[in-house]
Amino acid sequence: MQLERDAPGFGFIESILNATDPDLSAFQQRGGKLLMYFGWGEE
């Protein structure tokens, strides 16, 4: 993998995996289920 050659292709992947958009309405409309975990043992 060469960064200069492959970097332009990462934009598409980033648009899918980027978790900064809090709008989950499309996910909900498709019947998506969201599982969340929160733990206190992170010392």
C-alpha atoms as a PDB file:
ATOM      1  CA  MET A   1       0.000   0.000   0.000  1.00  0.00           C
ATOM      2  CA  GLN A   2       1.280   3.436  -0.897  1.00  0.00           C
ATOM      3  CA  LEU A   3      -0.329   6.372   0.848  1.00  0.00           C
ATOM      4  CA  GLU A   4      -0.007   8.700  -2.129  1.00  0.00           C
ATOM      5  CA  ARG A   5      -1.662   6.188  -4.432  1.00  0.00           C
ATOM      6  CA  ASP A   6      -4.362   4.846  -2.074  1.00  0.00           C
ATOM      7  CA  ALA A   7      -5.341   7.924  -0.025  1.00  0.00           C
ATOM      8  CA  PRO A   8      -7.997   9.238  -2.471  1.00  0.00           C
ATOM      9  CA  GLY A   9      -9.952   5.990  -2.034  1.00  0.00           C
ATOM     10  CA  PHE A  10     -10.197   6.463   1.721  1.00  0.00           C
ATOM     11  CA  GLY A  11     -12.774   9.254   1.366  1.00  0.00           C
ATOM     12  CA  PHE A  12     -15.510   6.775   0.495  1.00  0.00           C
ATOM     13  CA  ILE A  13     -14.652   4.528   3.442  1.00  0.00           C
ATOM     14  CA  GLU A  14     -14.517   7.525   5.775  1.00  0.00           C
ATOM     15  CA  SER A  15     -18.018   8.580   4.715  1.00  0.00           C
ATOM     16  CA  ILE A  16     -19.319   5.166   5.796  1.00  0.00           C
ATOM     17  CA  LEU A  17     -17.332   4.665   9.001  1.00  0.00           C
ATOM     18  CA  ASN A  18     -17.207   8.241  10.315  1.00  0.00           C
ATOM     19  CA  ALA A  19     -19.168   8.372  13.563  1.00  0.00           C
ATOM     20  CA  THR A  20     -19.485  12.147  13.898  1.00  0.00           C
ATOM     21  CA  ASP A  21     -23.006  12.475  12.417  1.00  0.00           C
ATOM     22  CA  PRO A  22     -25.570  11.815  15.197  1.00  0.00           C
ATOM     23  CA  ASP A  23     -28.495  11.449  12.742  1.00  0.00           C
ATOM     24  CA  LEU A  24     -29.559   7.794  12.949  1.00  0.00           C
ATOM     25  CA  SER A  25     -32.948   8.254  11.259  1.00  0.00           C
ATOM     26  CA  ALA A  26     -31.998   6.264   8.126  1.00  0.00           C
ATOM     27  CA  PHE A  27     -30.645   3.476  10.340  1.00  0.00           C
ATOM     28  CA  GLN A  28     -33.884   3.439  12.327  1.00  0.00           C
ATOM     29  CA  GLN A  29     -36.053   3.439   9.186  1.00  0.00           C
ATOM     30  CA  ARG A  30     -34.275   0.295   7.979  1.00  0.00           C
ATOM     31  CA  GLY A  31     -35.098  -1.416  11.288  1.00  0.00           C
ATOM     32  CA  GLY A  32     -31.576  -1.158  12.670  1.00  0.00           C
ATOM     33  CA  LYS A  33     -30.879  -2.200  16.246  1.00  0.00           C
ATOM     34  CA  LEU A  34     -28.227  -0.359  18.237  1.00  0.00           C
ATOM     35  CA  LEU A  35     -26.369  -2.071  21.062  1.00  0.00           C
ATOM     36  CA  MET A  36     -24.385   0.084  23.462  1.00  0.00           C
ATOM     37  CA  TYR A  37     -22.054  -0.957  26.238  1.00  0.00           C
ATOM     38  CA  PHE A  38     -20.799   1.163  29.090  1.00  0.00           C
ATOM     39  CA  GLY A  39     -18.340  -0.149  31.669  1.00  0.00           C
ATOM     40  CA  TRP A  40     -16.978   1.224  34.917  1.00  0.00           C
ATOM     41  CA  GLY A  41     -13.906  -1.008  35.098  1.00  0.00           C
ATOM     42  CA  GLU A  42     -11.579   1.198  33.045  1.00  0.00           C
ATOM     43  CA  GLU A  43      -8.984   1.990  35.671  1.00  0.00           C
END
